[in-house]
Amino acid sequence: MPRLAIVVDGRDNVATAIRDLKAGDCVRMEGGDVTLVSDVPFGHKFALVDIAQGEYVIKYGAWIGRATEDIPRGAHVHVHNVEDITDEVRKGT
């Protein structure tokens, strides 16, 4: 089975699609298969686990955003459901 997504760091709660993926695709990941619940374009992220509203989105082992709504496992993770936390990260809070 060809590789469809990558995870950069073991602490990440998202993976990055390395080709366009469709809802219903089953993506084989080290932590277990993830069935996508929405389309995920190339280069975009999807949730490896359920991410509750207010929780951090983690990529590269670092906080990259905060969920603005509950994001189920297999859902597209992007600006429509994640807020920028650049200022928060810079301040170290």
Protein backbone atom coordinates (compact mmCIF):
# COMPACT_ATOMS: atom_id res chain seq x y z
CA MET A 1 0.00 0.00 0.00
CA PRO A 2 1.51 3.39 -0.95
CA ARG A 3 2.24 5.92 1.75
CA LEU A 4 -0.53 8.55 1.87
CA ALA A 5 0.50 10.76 4.81
CA ILE A 6 3.40 11.55 7.10
CA VAL A 7 3.79 12.24 10.79
CA VAL A 8 6.83 14.29 11.71
CA ASP A 9 7.02 13.67 15.47
CA GLY A 10 5.56 10.98 17.71
CA ARG A 11 3.80 13.67 19.79
CA ASP A 12 1.84 14.98 16.79
CA ASN A 13 -1.95 14.69 16.82
CA VAL A 14 -2.18 15.42 13.08
CA ALA A 15 -0.69 13.90 9.93
CA THR A 16 0.04 15.64 6.63
CA ALA A 17 -1.43 14.29 3.38
CA ILE A 18 1.19 13.69 0.71
CA ARG A 19 -1.46 13.47 -2.01
CA ASP A 20 -5.10 14.50 -2.34
CA LEU A 21 -7.22 12.24 -0.13
CA LYS A 22 -10.97 11.68 -0.11
CA ALA A 23 -13.51 11.10 2.64
CA GLY A 24 -13.72 7.34 3.23
CA ASP A 25 -10.06 6.70 2.36
CA CYS A 26 -8.33 4.49 4.90
CA VAL A 27 -4.86 5.79 5.69
CA ARG A 28 -2.42 3.33 7.25
CA MET A 29 -0.53 5.07 10.05
CA GLU A 30 1.97 3.74 12.58
CA GLY A 31 -0.55 4.19 15.42
CA GLY A 32 -3.33 2.47 13.48
CA ASP A 33 -5.46 3.01 10.41
CA VAL A 34 -7.38 6.28 10.13
CA THR A 35 -10.53 6.49 8.01
CA LEU A 36 -11.00 10.02 6.70
CA VAL A 37 -14.31 11.71 7.42
CA SER A 38 -13.64 14.58 5.00
CA ASP A 39 -11.56 15.31 1.93
CA VAL A 40 -7.98 16.35 2.71
CA PRO A 41 -6.02 18.15 -0.02
CA PHE A 42 -2.32 17.50 -0.64
CA GLY A 43 -0.18 19.22 2.03
CA HIS A 44 -3.07 19.66 4.45
CA LYS A 45 -3.49 17.99 7.82
CA PHE A 46 -5.98 15.51 9.27
CA ALA A 47 -6.59 14.51 12.87
CA LEU A 48 -5.02 11.30 14.12
CA VAL A 49 -7.14 11.42 17.28
CA ASP A 50 -10.22 13.31 18.39
CA ILE A 51 -9.15 16.89 19.19
CA ALA A 52 -11.54 18.71 21.51
CA GLN A 53 -12.42 22.37 21.09
CA GLY A 54 -9.74 24.43 22.86
CA GLU A 55 -7.05 21.73 22.66
CA TYR A 56 -3.78 22.34 20.85
CA VAL A 57 -3.08 21.02 17.37
CA ILE A 58 0.40 19.50 17.48
CA LYS A 59 2.71 19.14 14.47
CA TYR A 60 6.51 18.87 14.49
CA GLY A 61 6.08 18.06 18.20
CA ALA A 62 5.01 21.67 18.78
CA TRP A 63 1.77 23.58 19.20
CA ILE A 64 0.74 25.07 15.85
CA GLY A 65 -2.83 26.11 16.64
CA ARG A 66 -5.88 25.60 18.84
CA ALA A 67 -9.05 23.80 17.78
CA THR A 68 -12.00 26.19 17.45
CA GLU A 69 -14.42 23.25 17.42
CA ASP A 70 -14.32 19.55 18.16
CA ILE A 71 -12.31 17.87 15.40
CA PRO A 72 -12.98 14.14 15.03
CA ARG A 73 -10.30 11.61 14.13
CA GLY A 74 -9.91 11.58 10.35
CA ALA A 75 -11.19 15.14 9.79
CA HIS A 76 -9.46 17.84 7.77
CA VAL A 77 -7.54 20.21 10.09
CA HIS A 78 -7.08 23.71 8.66
CA VAL A 79 -8.03 27.36 9.14
CA HIS A 80 -11.76 26.53 9.23
CA ASN A 81 -11.36 24.72 12.57
CA VAL A 82 -8.03 25.95 14.00
CA GLU A 83 -7.05 29.37 15.33
CA ASP A 84 -3.60 30.89 15.07
CA ILE A 85 -1.60 30.92 18.31
CA THR A 86 1.57 32.60 17.05
CA ASP A 87 1.43 35.41 19.63
CA GLU A 88 0.73 32.95 22.44
CA VAL A 89 3.68 30.75 21.47
CA ARG A 90 6.02 33.76 21.20
CA LYS A 91 5.05 34.85 24.72
CA GLY A 92 5.62 31.31 26.03
CA THR A 93 2.17 31.00 27.60
